[in-house]
Protein backbone atom coordinates (compact mmCIF):
# COMPACT_ATOMS: atom_id res chain seq x y z
CA MET A 1 0.00 0.00 0.00
CA PRO A 2 1.52 3.39 -0.93
CA PRO A 3 2.24 5.94 1.80
CA THR A 4 -0.77 8.10 2.66
CA THR A 5 1.31 11.21 3.35
CA PRO A 6 5.01 12.03 3.58
CA THR A 7 4.53 13.65 6.98
CA ALA A 8 1.91 11.49 8.73
CA SER A 9 1.32 12.54 12.31
CA HIS A 10 0.73 10.09 15.13
CA ALA A 11 -2.87 11.36 15.34
CA HIS A 12 -3.43 10.45 11.68
CA ILE A 13 -2.01 6.98 12.22
CA VAL A 14 -4.14 6.46 15.33
CA GLU A 15 -7.27 7.58 13.48
CA THR A 16 -6.58 5.43 10.41
CA LEU A 17 -5.68 2.23 12.27
CA GLY A 18 -8.40 2.81 14.87
CA ARG A 19 -11.06 2.97 12.19
CA ARG A 20 -9.67 -0.09 10.41
CA ILE A 21 -9.78 -2.12 13.62
CA ALA A 22 -13.15 -0.85 14.85
CA GLY A 23 -14.62 -1.36 11.39
CA GLY A 24 -13.37 -4.93 11.13
CA GLU A 25 -10.95 -4.35 8.27
CA LEU A 26 -8.23 -5.56 10.63
CA SER A 27 -9.73 -8.51 12.48
CA PRO A 28 -8.59 -9.84 15.88
CA GLY A 29 -5.32 -11.71 15.59
CA THR A 30 -4.13 -9.71 12.58
CA GLY A 31 -0.42 -9.00 12.85
CA MET A 32 1.63 -6.01 11.75
CA THR A 33 5.04 -4.58 12.42
CA VAL A 34 6.31 -1.15 13.33
CA ALA A 35 8.58 -1.25 10.28
CA ALA A 36 5.64 -1.92 7.95
CA LEU A 37 3.69 0.95 9.50
CA GLU A 38 6.68 3.26 9.10
CA GLN A 39 6.72 2.42 5.40
CA GLU A 40 2.97 2.70 4.87
CA PHE A 41 2.62 6.06 6.58
CA ALA A 42 6.09 7.39 5.65
CA ALA A 43 6.52 8.22 9.32
CA SER A 44 9.43 7.98 11.70
CA ARG A 45 9.71 5.10 14.14
CA THR A 46 9.16 7.55 16.99
CA VAL A 47 5.85 8.75 15.52
CA VAL A 48 4.66 5.21 14.81
CA ARG A 49 5.53 4.01 18.30
CA GLU A 50 3.68 6.97 19.80
CA ALA A 51 0.59 6.01 17.78
CA VAL A 52 0.95 2.38 18.79
CA ARG A 53 1.03 3.36 22.47
CA VAL A 54 -2.29 5.18 22.06
CA LEU A 55 -3.88 2.20 20.33
CA GLU A 56 -2.53 -0.11 23.01
CA ALA A 57 -4.15 2.13 25.64
CA HIS A 58 -7.46 1.77 23.74
CA GLY A 59 -7.02 -2.00 23.94
CA PHE A 60 -6.75 -2.31 20.16
CA LEU A 61 -3.18 -3.62 19.89
CA ARG A 62 -0.82 -5.85 21.83
CA SER A 63 2.94 -6.08 21.36
CA ARG A 64 4.30 -9.62 21.21
CA ARG A 65 7.92 -10.66 21.01
CA ARG A 66 8.96 -12.16 17.68
CA VAL A 67 5.50 -11.39 16.29
CA GLY A 68 5.17 -7.61 16.43
CA LEU A 69 1.78 -6.01 16.91
CA VAL A 70 -1.40 -8.04 17.11
CA VAL A 71 -5.00 -6.78 16.94
CA ARG A 72 -6.83 -7.62 20.17
CA PRO A 73 -10.41 -8.97 20.36
CA ARG A 74 -13.24 -6.50 20.78
CA GLU A 75 -13.92 -7.67 24.33
CA GLU A 76 -10.58 -6.16 25.34
CA TRP A 77 -11.16 -2.72 23.83
CA ASP A 78 -11.78 0.37 25.94
CA SER A 79 -15.31 0.44 24.55
CA LEU A 80 -16.39 3.51 26.54
CA ASP A 81 -13.63 5.71 25.17
CA ALA A 82 -15.07 8.52 23.04
CA ASN A 83 -12.81 7.73 20.08
CA VAL A 84 -13.62 4.03 20.17
CA ILE A 85 -17.35 4.84 20.23
CA GLU A 86 -16.98 7.21 17.27
CA TRP A 87 -14.96 4.76 15.19
CA SER A 88 -17.35 1.91 16.02
CA LEU A 89 -20.40 3.95 15.00
CA ASP A 90 -18.83 4.46 11.59
CA GLY A 91 -18.32 0.74 11.12
CA PRO A 92 -20.60 -2.09 10.00
CA ARG A 93 -21.55 -2.94 13.60
CA ARG A 94 -23.16 0.45 14.19
CA ARG A 95 -26.57 -0.88 15.16
CA ASP A 96 -25.12 -3.55 17.47
CA VAL A 97 -22.93 -0.95 19.16
CA LEU A 98 -25.89 1.37 19.71
CA VAL A 99 -27.93 -1.50 21.16
CA GLU A 100 -25.11 -2.47 23.54
CA LEU A 101 -24.57 1.10 24.69
CA THR A 102 -28.30 1.62 25.18
CA GLU A 103 -28.45 -1.54 27.30
CA LEU A 104 -25.71 -0.04 29.47
CA ARG A 105 -27.73 3.16 29.82
CA ILE A 106 -30.81 1.16 30.87
CA ALA A 107 -28.74 -0.55 33.56
CA VAL A 108 -27.28 2.68 34.96
CA GLU A 109 -29.37 5.81 34.35
CA PRO A 110 -32.54 4.76 36.21
CA ILE A 111 -30.47 4.10 39.36
CA ALA A 112 -28.64 7.38 38.83
CA ALA A 113 -32.05 9.10 38.68
CA ARG A 114 -33.04 7.52 41.99
CA VAL A 115 -29.77 8.62 43.59
CA ALA A 116 -30.16 12.14 42.17
CA ALA A 117 -33.63 12.33 43.75
CA GLU A 118 -32.32 11.17 47.10
CA ARG A 119 -29.03 13.08 47.27
CA GLY A 120 -29.05 15.80 44.61
CA SER A 121 -28.81 19.48 45.52
CA ASP A 122 -31.75 21.82 45.11
CA ALA A 123 -29.87 23.64 42.34
CA ASP A 124 -29.18 20.45 40.39
CA ARG A 125 -32.73 19.18 40.74
CA ALA A 126 -34.14 22.50 39.54
CA ARG A 127 -31.72 22.57 36.62
CA LEU A 128 -32.70 19.04 35.56
CA LEU A 129 -36.35 20.04 35.39
CA GLU A 130 -35.47 23.17 33.41
CA LEU A 131 -33.50 21.09 30.89
CA ALA A 132 -36.28 18.47 30.61
CA VAL A 133 -38.89 21.14 29.93
CA ARG A 134 -36.68 22.70 27.26
CA LEU A 135 -36.23 19.29 25.60
CA SER A 136 -40.00 18.89 25.58
CA GLU A 137 -40.45 22.30 23.97
CA LEU A 138 -37.86 21.63 21.26
CA GLY A 139 -39.21 18.16 20.55
CA ALA A 140 -42.77 19.45 20.26
CA GLU A 141 -41.51 21.87 17.60
CA GLY A 142 -39.98 19.00 15.62
CA LEU A 143 -36.45 20.08 16.50
CA GLY A 144 -35.30 16.79 17.99
CA ASP A 145 -32.53 16.62 15.38
CA SER A 146 -31.31 20.18 15.97
CA ASP A 147 -27.99 21.26 17.48
CA GLU A 148 -29.80 22.92 20.37
CA TYR A 149 -31.73 19.76 21.21
CA LEU A 150 -28.48 17.77 21.21
CA GLU A 151 -26.79 20.31 23.47
CA VAL A 152 -29.67 20.28 25.95
CA ASP A 153 -30.00 16.50 25.82
CA ILE A 154 -26.31 16.03 26.64
CA ALA A 155 -26.55 18.55 29.47
CA TYR A 156 -29.61 16.78 30.90
CA HIS A 157 -28.16 13.27 30.88
CA SER A 158 -24.74 14.44 32.10
CA LEU A 159 -26.30 16.22 35.06
CA LEU A 160 -28.58 13.25 35.77
CA LEU A 161 -25.51 11.04 36.13
CA GLN A 162 -23.56 13.56 38.21
CA ALA A 163 -26.26 15.02 40.46
CA GLY A 164 -26.29 12.16 42.97
CA GLY A 165 -22.60 12.57 43.73
CA ASN A 166 -21.60 9.03 42.73
CA PRO A 167 -18.28 9.52 40.85
CA LEU A 168 -18.67 6.20 39.02
CA PHE A 169 -21.97 7.31 37.51
CA GLY A 170 -20.34 10.63 36.68
CA LYS A 171 -17.60 8.86 34.73
CA LEU A 172 -20.25 7.62 32.30
CA SER A 173 -21.39 11.13 31.36
CA ALA A 174 -18.66 11.50 28.69
CA PRO A 175 -19.34 8.21 26.84
CA ILE A 176 -23.10 8.74 27.03
CA ALA A 177 -22.63 12.23 25.62
CA GLU A 178 -20.66 10.64 22.77
CA ILE A 179 -23.49 8.16 22.16
CA LEU A 180 -26.01 11.00 21.89
CA ARG A 181 -23.69 13.05 19.71
CA GLY A 182 -22.83 10.05 17.56
CA ARG A 183 -26.47 9.36 16.77
CA ALA A 184 -27.19 13.00 16.04
CA VAL A 185 -24.30 13.70 13.67
CA ARG A 186 -25.12 10.55 11.69
CA GLY A 187 -28.74 11.59 11.21
CA LEU A 188 -30.06 8.86 13.51
CA THR A 189 -31.98 11.16 15.87
CA PRO A 190 -35.55 11.94 14.71
CA GLY A 191 -36.77 15.50 14.45
CA MET A 192 -39.97 14.43 16.20
CA PRO A 193 -38.94 12.31 19.21
CA ARG A 194 -40.67 8.99 19.80
CA VAL A 195 -44.02 9.36 21.57
CA GLY A 196 -43.53 9.15 25.32
CA THR A 197 -39.83 9.98 25.47
CA LEU A 198 -40.29 13.69 26.15
CA GLU A 199 -42.96 13.01 28.74
CA ALA A 200 -40.68 10.50 30.46
CA HIS A 201 -37.85 13.07 30.56
CA VAL A 202 -40.11 15.56 32.32
CA ALA A 203 -41.62 12.94 34.63
CA THR A 204 -38.13 11.85 35.70
CA ALA A 205 -37.01 15.40 36.40
CA ARG A 206 -40.19 16.25 38.30
CA ALA A 207 -39.84 13.16 40.47
CA ILE A 208 -36.25 14.14 41.20
CA THR A 209 -37.32 17.65 42.27
CA LEU A 210 -39.83 16.02 44.63
CA ARG A 211 -37.14 13.66 45.95
CA ASP A 212 -39.29 10.73 44.84
CA GLY A 213 -36.59 8.19 44.04
CA ALA A 214 -38.88 5.31 43.08
CA THR A 215 -40.81 7.36 40.52
CA ALA A 216 -37.61 8.93 39.18
CA GLU A 217 -36.13 5.48 38.60
CA ALA A 218 -39.30 4.15 36.96
CA SER A 219 -39.66 7.17 34.66
CA ALA A 220 -36.02 7.05 33.60
CA ARG A 221 -36.39 3.35 32.84
CA GLU A 222 -39.50 4.05 30.79
CA HIS A 223 -37.65 6.69 28.78
CA LEU A 224 -34.75 4.39 28.00
CA THR A 225 -37.01 1.47 27.15
CA LEU A 226 -38.57 3.68 24.49
CA VAL A 227 -35.12 4.70 23.27
CA SER A 228 -34.09 1.04 23.02
CA ARG A 229 -37.07 0.31 20.79
CA GLU A 230 -36.11 3.24 18.60
CA VAL A 231 -32.50 2.05 18.35
CA ALA A 232 -33.60 -1.50 17.53
CA HIS A 233 -35.24 -0.24 14.33
CA LEU A 234 -32.35 1.84 13.04
């Protein structure tokens, strides 16, 4: 394969190889060498090794003596990394990835809603309701695929995960934001949200403001169950 550029940066190499691996072009067990990558990308050994270190941190590659670099199985990837999510959503497994990530959200966000209701500050609870109402307004106007809706949606779900003060829930705000953004930029978010999703957003936020953990959890679960049905038909 001819060099892609005479001055390939490590970021370019990471992006190119990351997409090849996430997209299945380089399947698990595929081997490569640093020397071959130097030649393909017309890059120095230092630049290639720097890119390899990043891909190793993502769980994509493993260095093996006498073999070189080997592509690792998907189960070993850092699947919640924003780059890995983006590359995976551009690959042939897009729908499966969205289903898996939505299943994770169903497992976590309803409990985070309960915790937010029980431990969230007055300011956070009020802000959640404000964001939910704005989502409802935008959705009712058919703007569910707009930049503003995406911005508000990310803010709502990020705060929902962080409001209860559980740092492990908070860690999921970045990958969930990437899931929402990934759907939106690929035209997979409808302008008119699925019936019931906006109402469930507002019901969750209202329950949180009332410190009603059980209702907050149930409403959040209802919302994500509707989302899962939407994702299943993409």
